[in-house]
Amino acid sequence: MRLPPDPERMNNQRADWARNVVEFFEQYGEIPHPNASEDERCRMAGQNLSDMIADFGHYCDRIGLSMQDVIQAATVHYTEETNDEGKQFKLQSISFD
């Protein structure tokens, strides 16, 4: 896996911060079995991340923030932090075949 550029040399630290939040959240979500395959661990991580993002939406409701504005700001930050070469917030075309 090729990582996007890291002009500030901070993206490993940023990923570690996110991992810490996810590991805390996993106390309340799906925890992979110690012998789980890498695919199963990845699937469970995706499930926990999607649940956590939905929960952030509920949090935004309660404190009066727009989740869309937060996502837009996150997109700008990520784009800057990867010299606009990161793929996480790029719109993908979808086929309805």
PDB file of N, CA and C in Angstrom:
ATOM      1  N   MET A   1       0.847  -1.172   0.000  1.00  0.00           N
ATOM      2  CA  MET A   1       0.000   0.000   0.000  1.00  0.00           C
ATOM      3  C   MET A   1       0.895   1.238   0.000  1.00  0.00           C
ATOM      4  N   ARG A   2       0.645   2.117  -0.935  1.00  0.00           N
ATOM      5  CA  ARG A   2       1.406   3.357  -1.049  1.00  0.00           C
ATOM      6  C   ARG A   2       0.642   4.472  -0.352  1.00  0.00           C
ATOM      7  N   LEU A   3       1.280   5.120   0.598  1.00  0.00           N
ATOM      8  CA  LEU A   3       0.655   6.216   1.331  1.00  0.00           C
ATOM      9  C   LEU A   3       0.799   7.520   0.563  1.00  0.00           C
ATOM     10  N   PRO A   4      -0.151   8.445   0.743  1.00  0.00           N
ATOM     11  CA  PRO A   4      -0.038   9.747   0.082  1.00  0.00           C
ATOM     12  C   PRO A   4       1.095  10.568   0.697  1.00  0.00           C
ATOM     13  N   PRO A   5       1.478  11.660   0.039  1.00  0.00           N
ATOM     14  CA  PRO A   5       2.540  12.515   0.572  1.00  0.00           C
ATOM     15  C   PRO A   5       2.233  13.001   1.991  1.00  0.00           C
ATOM     16  N   ASP A   6       3.279  13.321   2.719  1.00  0.00           N
ATOM     17  CA  ASP A   6       3.173  13.779   4.102  1.00  0.00           C
ATOM     18  C   ASP A   6       4.070  15.004   4.280  1.00  0.00           C
ATOM     19  N   PRO A   7       3.659  16.160   3.722  1.00  0.00           N
ATOM     20  CA  PRO A   7       4.550  17.328   3.697  1.00  0.00           C
ATOM     21  C   PRO A   7       4.969  17.825   5.080  1.00  0.00           C
ATOM     22  N   GLU A   8       4.142  17.643   6.089  1.00  0.00           N
ATOM     23  CA  GLU A   8       4.482  18.113   7.435  1.00  0.00           C
ATOM     24  C   GLU A   8       5.106  17.015   8.294  1.00  0.00           C
ATOM     25  N   ARG A   9       5.201  15.821   7.724  1.00  0.00           N
ATOM     26  CA  ARG A   9       5.709  14.654   8.463  1.00  0.00           C
ATOM     27  C   ARG A   9       4.933  14.438   9.763  1.00  0.00           C
ATOM     28  N   MET A  10       3.606  14.547   9.658  1.00  0.00           N
ATOM     29  CA  MET A  10       2.725  14.388  10.816  1.00  0.00           C
ATOM     30  C   MET A  10       1.665  13.315  10.614  1.00  0.00           C
ATOM     31  N   ASN A  11       1.534  12.768   9.407  1.00  0.00           N
ATOM     32  CA  ASN A  11       0.406  11.882   9.125  1.00  0.00           C
ATOM     33  C   ASN A  11       0.468  10.571   9.899  1.00  0.00           C
ATOM     34  N   ASN A  12       1.659  10.062  10.210  1.00  0.00           N
ATOM     35  CA  ASN A  12       1.735   8.873  11.073  1.00  0.00           C
ATOM     36  C   ASN A  12       1.192   9.204  12.454  1.00  0.00           C
ATOM     37  N   GLN A  13       1.537  10.377  12.982  1.00  0.00           N
ATOM     38  CA  GLN A  13       1.017  10.799  14.285  1.00  0.00           C
ATOM     39  C   GLN A  13      -0.502  10.962  14.227  1.00  0.00           C
ATOM     40  N   ARG A  14      -0.996  11.572  13.159  1.00  0.00           N
ATOM     41  CA  ARG A  14      -2.444  11.755  13.009  1.00  0.00           C
ATOM     42  C   ARG A  14      -3.150  10.402  12.944  1.00  0.00           C
ATOM     43  N   ALA A  15      -2.569   9.455  12.226  1.00  0.00           N
ATOM     44  CA  ALA A  15      -3.151   8.112  12.148  1.00  0.00           C
ATOM     45  C   ALA A  15      -3.139   7.445  13.517  1.00  0.00           C
ATOM     46  N   ASP A  16      -2.079   7.639  14.299  1.00  0.00           N
ATOM     47  CA  ASP A  16      -2.020   7.080  15.654  1.00  0.00           C
ATOM     48  C   ASP A  16      -3.104   7.678  16.547  1.00  0.00           C
ATOM     49  N   TRP A  17      -3.339   8.994  16.419  1.00  0.00           N
ATOM     50  CA  TRP A  17      -4.416   9.609  17.203  1.00  0.00           C
ATOM     51  C   TRP A  17      -5.754   8.963  16.858  1.00  0.00           C
ATOM     52  N   ALA A  18      -5.998   8.776  15.565  1.00  0.00           N
ATOM     53  CA  ALA A  18      -7.255   8.154  15.131  1.00  0.00           C
ATOM     54  C   ALA A  18      -7.342   6.718  15.647  1.00  0.00           C
ATOM     55  N   ARG A  19      -6.226   5.977  15.569  1.00  0.00           N
ATOM     56  CA  ARG A  19      -6.215   4.592  16.059  1.00  0.00           C
ATOM     57  C   ARG A  19      -6.564   4.555  17.541  1.00  0.00           C
ATOM     58  N   ASN A  20      -6.041   5.499  18.335  1.00  0.00           N
ATOM     59  CA  ASN A  20      -6.359   5.538  19.764  1.00  0.00           C
ATOM     60  C   ASN A  20      -7.854   5.738  19.998  1.00  0.00           C
ATOM     61  N   VAL A  21      -8.471   6.621  19.211  1.00  0.00           N
ATOM     62  CA  VAL A  21      -9.909   6.855  19.345  1.00  0.00           C
ATOM     63  C   VAL A  21     -10.681   5.593  18.961  1.00  0.00           C
ATOM     64  N   VAL A  22     -10.280   4.954  17.868  1.00  0.00           N
ATOM     65  CA  VAL A  22     -10.960   3.736  17.411  1.00  0.00           C
ATOM     66  C   VAL A  22     -10.813   2.630  18.453  1.00  0.00           C
ATOM     67  N   GLU A  23      -9.628   2.474  19.014  1.00  0.00           N
ATOM     68  CA  GLU A  23      -9.430   1.435  20.028  1.00  0.00           C
ATOM     69  C   GLU A  23     -10.290   1.699  21.256  1.00  0.00           C
ATOM     70  N   PHE A  24     -10.454   2.968  21.642  1.00  0.00           N
ATOM     71  CA  PHE A  24     -11.351   3.292  22.746  1.00  0.00           C
ATOM     72  C   PHE A  24     -12.787   2.948  22.379  1.00  0.00           C
ATOM     73  N   PHE A  25     -13.193   3.324  21.158  1.00  0.00           N
ATOM     74  CA  PHE A  25     -14.559   3.068  20.704  1.00  0.00           C
ATOM     75  C   PHE A  25     -14.843   1.571  20.643  1.00  0.00           C
ATOM     76  N   GLU A  26     -13.839   0.768  20.280  1.00  0.00           N
ATOM     77  CA  GLU A  26     -14.035  -0.677  20.148  1.00  0.00           C
ATOM     78  C   GLU A  26     -14.443  -1.325  21.469  1.00  0.00           C
ATOM     79  N   GLN A  27     -14.220  -0.637  22.582  1.00  0.00           N
ATOM     80  CA  GLN A  27     -14.689  -1.163  23.867  1.00  0.00           C
ATOM     81  C   GLN A  27     -16.206  -1.295  23.870  1.00  0.00           C
ATOM     82  N   TYR A  28     -16.879  -0.522  23.002  1.00  0.00           N
ATOM     83  CA  TYR A  28     -18.330  -0.523  22.949  1.00  0.00           C
ATOM     84  C   TYR A  28     -18.857  -1.146  21.661  1.00  0.00           C
ATOM     85  N   GLY A  29     -17.974  -1.483  20.757  1.00  0.00           N
ATOM     86  CA  GLY A  29     -18.378  -2.049  19.466  1.00  0.00           C
ATOM     87  C   GLY A  29     -17.900  -3.482  19.325  1.00  0.00           C
ATOM     88  N   GLU A  30     -17.708  -3.864  18.092  1.00  0.00           N
ATOM     89  CA  GLU A  30     -17.247  -5.212  17.777  1.00  0.00           C
ATOM     90  C   GLU A  30     -15.749  -5.322  18.026  1.00  0.00           C
ATOM     91  N   ILE A  31     -15.351  -6.302  18.793  1.00  0.00           N
ATOM     92  CA  ILE A  31     -13.932  -6.531  19.059  1.00  0.00           C
ATOM     93  C   ILE A  31     -13.536  -7.806  18.319  1.00  0.00           C
ATOM     94  N   PRO A  32     -12.505  -7.739  17.476  1.00  0.00           N
ATOM     95  CA  PRO A  32     -12.107  -8.934  16.739  1.00  0.00           C
ATOM     96  C   PRO A  32     -11.522 -10.004  17.665  1.00  0.00           C
ATOM     97  N   HIS A  33     -11.789 -11.232  17.348  1.00  0.00           N
ATOM     98  CA  HIS A  33     -11.210 -12.366  18.074  1.00  0.00           C
ATOM     99  C   HIS A  33      -9.698 -12.322  17.885  1.00  0.00           C
ATOM    100  N   PRO A  34      -8.923 -12.692  18.908  1.00  0.00           N
ATOM    101  CA  PRO A  34      -7.460 -12.650  18.758  1.00  0.00           C
ATOM    102  C   PRO A  34      -6.933 -13.436  17.555  1.00  0.00           C
ATOM    103  N   ASN A  35      -7.639 -14.478  17.129  1.00  0.00           N
ATOM    104  CA  ASN A  35      -7.201 -15.280  15.980  1.00  0.00           C
ATOM    105  C   ASN A  35      -7.898 -14.881  14.680  1.00  0.00           C
ATOM    106  N   ALA A  36      -8.562 -13.734  14.674  1.00  0.00           N
ATOM    107  CA  ALA A  36      -9.289 -13.298  13.473  1.00  0.00           C
ATOM    108  C   ALA A  36      -8.309 -13.041  12.332  1.00  0.00           C
ATOM    109  N   SER A  37      -8.773 -13.324  11.130  1.00  0.00           N
ATOM    110  CA  SER A  37      -7.945 -13.058   9.949  1.00  0.00           C
ATOM    111  C   SER A  37      -7.821 -11.550   9.749  1.00  0.00           C
ATOM    112  N   GLU A  38      -6.864 -11.146   8.938  1.00  0.00           N
ATOM    113  CA  GLU A  38      -6.681  -9.730   8.631  1.00  0.00           C
ATOM    114  C   GLU A  38      -7.929  -9.167   7.949  1.00  0.00           C
ATOM    115  N   ASP A  39      -8.562  -9.969   7.064  1.00  0.00           N
ATOM    116  CA  ASP A  39      -9.794  -9.523   6.407  1.00  0.00           C
ATOM    117  C   ASP A  39     -10.906  -9.288   7.425  1.00  0.00           C
ATOM    118  N   GLU A  40     -11.034 -10.191   8.403  1.00  0.00           N
ATOM    119  CA  GLU A  40     -12.070 -10.045   9.428  1.00  0.00           C
ATOM    120  C   GLU A  40     -11.781  -8.820  10.307  1.00  0.00           C
ATOM    121  N   ARG A  41     -10.536  -8.620  10.652  1.00  0.00           N
ATOM    122  CA  ARG A  41     -10.167  -7.439  11.446  1.00  0.00           C
ATOM    123  C   ARG A  41     -10.489  -6.157  10.682  1.00  0.00           C
ATOM    124  N   CYS A  42     -10.196  -6.151   9.392  1.00  0.00           N
ATOM    125  CA  CYS A  42     -10.478  -4.978   8.552  1.00  0.00           C
ATOM    126  C   CYS A  42     -11.985  -4.744   8.459  1.00  0.00           C
ATOM    127  N   ARG A  43     -12.767  -5.797   8.274  1.00  0.00           N
ATOM    128  CA  ARG A  43     -14.230  -5.666   8.201  1.00  0.00           C
ATOM    129  C   ARG A  43     -14.778  -5.085   9.500  1.00  0.00           C
ATOM    130  N   MET A  44     -14.307  -5.609  10.626  1.00  0.00           N
ATOM    131  CA  MET A  44     -14.786  -5.119  11.922  1.00  0.00           C
ATOM    132  C   MET A  44     -14.362  -3.668  12.156  1.00  0.00           C
ATOM    133  N   ALA A  45     -13.157  -3.319  11.746  1.00  0.00           N
ATOM    134  CA  ALA A  45     -12.697  -1.932  11.880  1.00  0.00           C
ATOM    135  C   ALA A  45     -13.589  -1.008  11.054  1.00  0.00           C
ATOM    136  N   GLY A  46     -13.943  -1.439   9.839  1.00  0.00           N
ATOM    137  CA  GLY A  46     -14.837  -0.640   8.996  1.00  0.00           C
ATOM    138  C   GLY A  46     -16.200  -0.458   9.631  1.00  0.00           C
ATOM    139  N   GLN A  47     -16.722  -1.527  10.231  1.00  0.00           N
ATOM    140  CA  GLN A  47     -18.021  -1.450  10.909  1.00  0.00           C
ATOM    141  C   GLN A  47     -17.949  -0.485  12.092  1.00  0.00           C
ATOM    142  N   ASN A  48     -16.896  -0.608  12.896  1.00  0.00           N
ATOM    143  CA  ASN A  48     -16.745   0.283  14.048  1.00  0.00           C
ATOM    144  C   ASN A  48     -16.559   1.727  13.612  1.00  0.00           C
ATOM    145  N   LEU A  49     -15.784   1.950  12.554  1.00  0.00           N
ATOM    146  CA  LEU A  49     -15.589   3.323  12.057  1.00  0.00           C
ATOM    147  C   LEU A  49     -16.899   3.920  11.559  1.00  0.00           C
ATOM    148  N   SER A  50     -17.680   3.148  10.811  1.00  0.00           N
ATOM    149  CA  SER A  50     -18.946   3.693  10.310  1.00  0.00           C
ATOM    150  C   SER A  50     -19.906   3.987  11.461  1.00  0.00           C
ATOM    151  N   ASP A  51     -19.928   3.122  12.484  1.00  0.00           N
ATOM    152  CA  ASP A  51     -20.758   3.390  13.666  1.00  0.00           C
ATOM    153  C   ASP A  51     -20.290   4.653  14.379  1.00  0.00           C
ATOM    154  N   MET A  52     -18.978   4.805  14.497  1.00  0.00           N
ATOM    155  CA  MET A  52     -18.428   5.963  15.193  1.00  0.00           C
ATOM    156  C   MET A  52     -18.755   7.254  14.436  1.00  0.00           C
ATOM    157  N   ILE A  53     -18.646   7.234  13.121  1.00  0.00           N
ATOM    158  CA  ILE A  53     -18.970   8.428  12.334  1.00  0.00           C
ATOM    159  C   ILE A  53     -20.447   8.777  12.491  1.00  0.00           C
ATOM    160  N   ALA A  54     -21.313   7.765  12.487  1.00  0.00           N
ATOM    161  CA  ALA A  54     -22.741   8.023  12.721  1.00  0.00           C
ATOM    162  C   ALA A  54     -22.947   8.638  14.109  1.00  0.00           C
ATOM    163  N   ASP A  55     -22.218   8.125  15.104  1.00  0.00           N
ATOM    164  CA  ASP A  55     -22.327   8.683  16.457  1.00  0.00           C
ATOM    165  C   ASP A  55     -21.846  10.127  16.510  1.00  0.00           C
ATOM    166  N   PHE A  56     -20.820  10.463  15.708  1.00  0.00           N
ATOM    167  CA  PHE A  56     -20.396  11.864  15.630  1.00  0.00           C
ATOM    168  C   PHE A  56     -21.521  12.728  15.063  1.00  0.00           C
ATOM    169  N   GLY A  57     -22.304  12.179  14.146  1.00  0.00           N
ATOM    170  CA  GLY A  57     -23.467  12.907  13.639  1.00  0.00           C
ATOM    171  C   GLY A  57     -24.451  13.210  14.757  1.00  0.00           C
ATOM    172  N   HIS A  58     -24.710  12.221  15.623  1.00  0.00           N
ATOM    173  CA  HIS A  58     -25.606  12.443  16.769  1.00  0.00           C
ATOM    174  C   HIS A  58     -25.022  13.492  17.717  1.00  0.00           C
ATOM    175  N   TYR A  59     -23.704  13.445  17.901  1.00  0.00           N
ATOM    176  CA  TYR A  59     -23.039  14.436  18.751  1.00  0.00           C
ATOM    177  C   TYR A  59     -23.210  15.838  18.160  1.00  0.00           C
ATOM    178  N   CYS A  60     -23.028  15.957  16.848  1.00  0.00           N
ATOM    179  CA  CYS A  60     -23.218  17.254  16.188  1.00  0.00           C
ATOM    180  C   CYS A  60     -24.639  17.761  16.385  1.00  0.00           C
ATOM    181  N   ASP A  61     -25.634  16.859  16.295  1.00  0.00           N
ATOM    182  CA  ASP A  61     -27.027  17.256  16.547  1.00  0.00           C
ATOM    183  C   ASP A  61     -27.172  17.907  17.918  1.00  0.00           C
ATOM    184  N   ARG A  62     -26.524  17.325  18.904  1.00  0.00           N
ATOM    185  CA  ARG A  62     -26.696  17.777  20.275  1.00  0.00           C
ATOM    186  C   ARG A  62     -25.962  19.070  20.595  1.00  0.00           C
ATOM    187  N   ILE A  63     -24.882  19.353  19.875  1.00  0.00           N
ATOM    188  CA  ILE A  63     -24.149  20.582  20.176  1.00  0.00           C
ATOM    189  C   ILE A  63     -24.357  21.672  19.130  1.00  0.00           C
ATOM    190  N   GLY A  64     -25.195  21.368  18.128  1.00  0.00           N
ATOM    191  CA  GLY A  64     -25.565  22.383  17.150  1.00  0.00           C
ATOM    192  C   GLY A  64     -24.563  22.605  16.031  1.00  0.00           C
ATOM    193  N   LEU A  65     -23.781  21.586  15.698  1.00  0.00           N
ATOM    194  CA  LEU A  65     -22.865  21.672  14.558  1.00  0.00           C
ATOM    195  C   LEU A  65     -23.457  20.974  13.353  1.00  0.00           C
ATOM    196  N   SER A  66     -23.055  21.415  12.187  1.00  0.00           N
ATOM    197  CA  SER A  66     -23.438  20.737  10.952  1.00  0.00           C
ATOM    198  C   SER A  66     -22.386  19.687  10.633  1.00  0.00           C
ATOM    199  N   MET A  67     -22.792  18.420  10.584  1.00  0.00           N
ATOM    200  CA  MET A  67     -21.853  17.346  10.248  1.00  0.00           C
ATOM    201  C   MET A  67     -21.282  17.561   8.854  1.00  0.00           C
ATOM    202  N   GLN A  68     -22.085  18.072   7.932  1.00  0.00           N
ATOM    203  CA  GLN A  68     -21.591  18.347   6.585  1.00  0.00           C
ATOM    204  C   GLN A  68     -20.463  19.380   6.615  1.00  0.00           C
ATOM    205  N   ASP A  69     -20.604  20.409   7.459  1.00  0.00           N
ATOM    206  CA  ASP A  69     -19.543  21.409   7.585  1.00  0.00           C
ATOM    207  C   ASP A  69     -18.279  20.792   8.178  1.00  0.00           C
ATOM    208  N   VAL A  70     -18.455  19.913   9.159  1.00  0.00           N
ATOM    209  CA  VAL A  70     -17.308  19.237   9.776  1.00  0.00           C
ATOM    210  C   VAL A  70     -16.603  18.361   8.742  1.00  0.00           C
ATOM    211  N   ILE A  71     -17.370  17.614   7.947  1.00  0.00           N
ATOM    212  CA  ILE A  71     -16.779  16.752   6.914  1.00  0.00           C
ATOM    213  C   ILE A  71     -16.085  17.605   5.853  1.00  0.00           C
ATOM    214  N   GLN A  72     -16.697  18.723   5.487  1.00  0.00           N
ATOM    215  CA  GLN A  72     -16.077  19.612   4.496  1.00  0.00           C
ATOM    216  C   GLN A  72     -14.743  20.144   5.028  1.00  0.00           C
ATOM    217  N   ALA A  73     -14.708  20.566   6.288  1.00  0.00           N
ATOM    218  CA  ALA A  73     -13.461  21.057   6.881  1.00  0.00           C
ATOM    219  C   ALA A  73     -12.425  19.936   6.955  1.00  0.00           C
ATOM    220  N   ALA A  74     -12.853  18.728   7.308  1.00  0.00           N
ATOM    221  CA  ALA A  74     -11.942  17.584   7.363  1.00  0.00           C
ATOM    222  C   ALA A  74     -11.370  17.287   5.987  1.00  0.00           C
ATOM    223  N   THR A  75     -12.186  17.431   4.961  1.00  0.00           N
ATOM    224  CA  THR A  75     -11.731  17.208   3.590  1.00  0.00           C
ATOM    225  C   THR A  75     -10.631  18.201   3.222  1.00  0.00           C
ATOM    226  N   VAL A  76     -10.836  19.466   3.588  1.00  0.00           N
ATOM    227  CA  VAL A  76      -9.824  20.488   3.311  1.00  0.00           C
ATOM    228  C   VAL A  76      -8.531  20.159   4.056  1.00  0.00           C
ATOM    229  N   HIS A  77      -8.633  19.790   5.336  1.00  0.00           N
ATOM    230  CA  HIS A  77      -7.441  19.458   6.125  1.00  0.00           C
ATOM    231  C   HIS A  77      -6.691  18.275   5.504  1.00  0.00           C
ATOM    232  N   TYR A  78      -7.430  17.203   5.201  1.00  0.00           N
ATOM    233  CA  TYR A  78      -6.798  16.005   4.639  1.00  0.00           C
ATOM    234  C   TYR A  78      -6.141  16.319   3.296  1.00  0.00           C
ATOM    235  N   THR A  79      -6.820  17.094   2.475  1.00  0.00           N
ATOM    236  CA  THR A  79      -6.276  17.464   1.168  1.00  0.00           C
ATOM    237  C   THR A  79      -4.960  18.219   1.329  1.00  0.00           C
ATOM    238  N   GLU A  80      -4.931  19.165   2.264  1.00  0.00           N
ATOM    239  CA  GLU A  80      -3.699  19.918   2.519  1.00  0.00           C
ATOM    240  C   GLU A  80      -2.608  19.018   3.089  1.00  0.00           C
ATOM    241  N   GLU A  81      -2.997  18.102   3.974  1.00  0.00           N
ATOM    242  CA  GLU A  81      -2.020  17.246   4.653  1.00  0.00           C
ATOM    243  C   GLU A  81      -1.440  16.165   3.747  1.00  0.00           C
ATOM    244  N   THR A  82      -2.024  15.998   2.559  1.00  0.00           N
ATOM    245  CA  THR A  82      -1.530  14.985   1.611  1.00  0.00           C
ATOM    246  C   THR A  82      -1.177  15.600   0.261  1.00  0.00           C
ATOM    247  N   ASN A  83      -0.962  16.906   0.235  1.00  0.00           N
ATOM    248  CA  ASN A  83      -0.651  17.608  -1.027  1.00  0.00           C
ATOM    249  C   ASN A  83      -1.663  17.295  -2.126  1.00  0.00           C
ATOM    250  N   ASP A  84      -2.916  17.159  -1.763  1.00  0.00           N
ATOM    251  CA  ASP A  84      -4.012  16.870  -2.701  1.00  0.00           C
ATOM    252  C   ASP A  84      -3.817  15.552  -3.454  1.00  0.00           C
ATOM    253  N   GLU A  85      -3.054  14.622  -2.884  1.00  0.00           N
ATOM    254  CA  GLU A  85      -2.857  13.326  -3.520  1.00  0.00           C
ATOM    255  C   GLU A  85      -3.509  12.185  -2.735  1.00  0.00           C
ATOM    256  N   GLY A  86      -4.037  12.486  -1.548  1.00  0.00           N
ATOM    257  CA  GLY A  86      -4.738  11.458  -0.779  1.00  0.00           C
ATOM    258  C   GLY A  86      -6.049  11.093  -1.451  1.00  0.00           C
ATOM    259  N   LYS A  87      -6.470   9.867  -1.273  1.00  0.00           N
ATOM    260  CA  LYS A  87      -7.677   9.383  -1.959  1.00  0.00           C
ATOM    261  C   LYS A  87      -8.892   9.239  -1.046  1.00  0.00           C
ATOM    262  N   GLN A  88      -8.753   9.542   0.236  1.00  0.00           N
ATOM    263  CA  GLN A  88      -9.832   9.255   1.174  1.00  0.00           C
ATOM    264  C   GLN A  88     -11.064  10.128   1.008  1.00  0.00           C
ATOM    265  N   PHE A  89     -10.927  11.318   0.503  1.00  0.00           N
ATOM    266  CA  PHE A  89     -12.083  12.196   0.349  1.00  0.00           C
ATOM    267  C   PHE A  89     -12.380  12.521  -1.112  1.00  0.00           C
ATOM    268  N   LYS A  90     -11.811  11.763  -2.018  1.00  0.00           N
ATOM    269  CA  LYS A  90     -12.069  11.965  -3.446  1.00  0.00           C
ATOM    270  C   LYS A  90     -13.418  11.332  -3.783  1.00  0.00           C
ATOM    271  N   LEU A  91     -14.205  12.033  -4.563  1.00  0.00           N
ATOM    272  CA  LEU A  91     -15.475  11.477  -5.004  1.00  0.00           C
ATOM    273  C   LEU A  91     -15.213  10.390  -6.034  1.00  0.00           C
ATOM    274  N   GLN A  92     -15.876   9.298  -5.894  1.00  0.00           N
ATOM    275  CA  GLN A  92     -15.743   8.170  -6.807  1.00  0.00           C
ATOM    276  C   GLN A  92     -17.007   8.094  -7.662  1.00  0.00           C
ATOM    277  N   SER A  93     -16.853   7.694  -8.895  1.00  0.00           N
ATOM    278  CA  SER A  93     -18.047   7.471  -9.698  1.00  0.00           C
ATOM    279  C   SER A  93     -18.654   6.126  -9.299  1.00  0.00           C
ATOM    280  N   ILE A  94     -19.965   6.081  -9.312  1.00  0.00           N
ATOM    281  CA  ILE A  94     -20.684   4.872  -8.908  1.00  0.00           C
ATOM    282  C   ILE A  94     -21.467   4.353 -10.103  1.00  0.00           C
ATOM    283  N   SER A  95     -21.376   3.069 -10.308  1.00  0.00           N
ATOM    284  CA  SER A  95     -22.122   2.427 -11.389  1.00  0.00           C
ATOM    285  C   SER A  95     -23.333   1.716 -10.819  1.00  0.00           C
ATOM    286  N   PHE A  96     -24.466   1.908 -11.425  1.00  0.00           N
ATOM    287  CA  PHE A  96     -25.704   1.269 -10.968  1.00  0.00           C
ATOM    288  C   PHE A  96     -26.110   0.149 -11.912  1.00  0.00           C
ATOM    289  N   ASP A  97     -25.141  -0.592 -12.400  1.00  0.00           N
ATOM    290  CA  ASP A  97     -25.437  -1.703 -13.332  1.00  0.00           C
ATOM    291  C   ASP A  97     -26.163  -2.828 -12.639  1.00  0.00           C
TER     292      ASP A  97
END
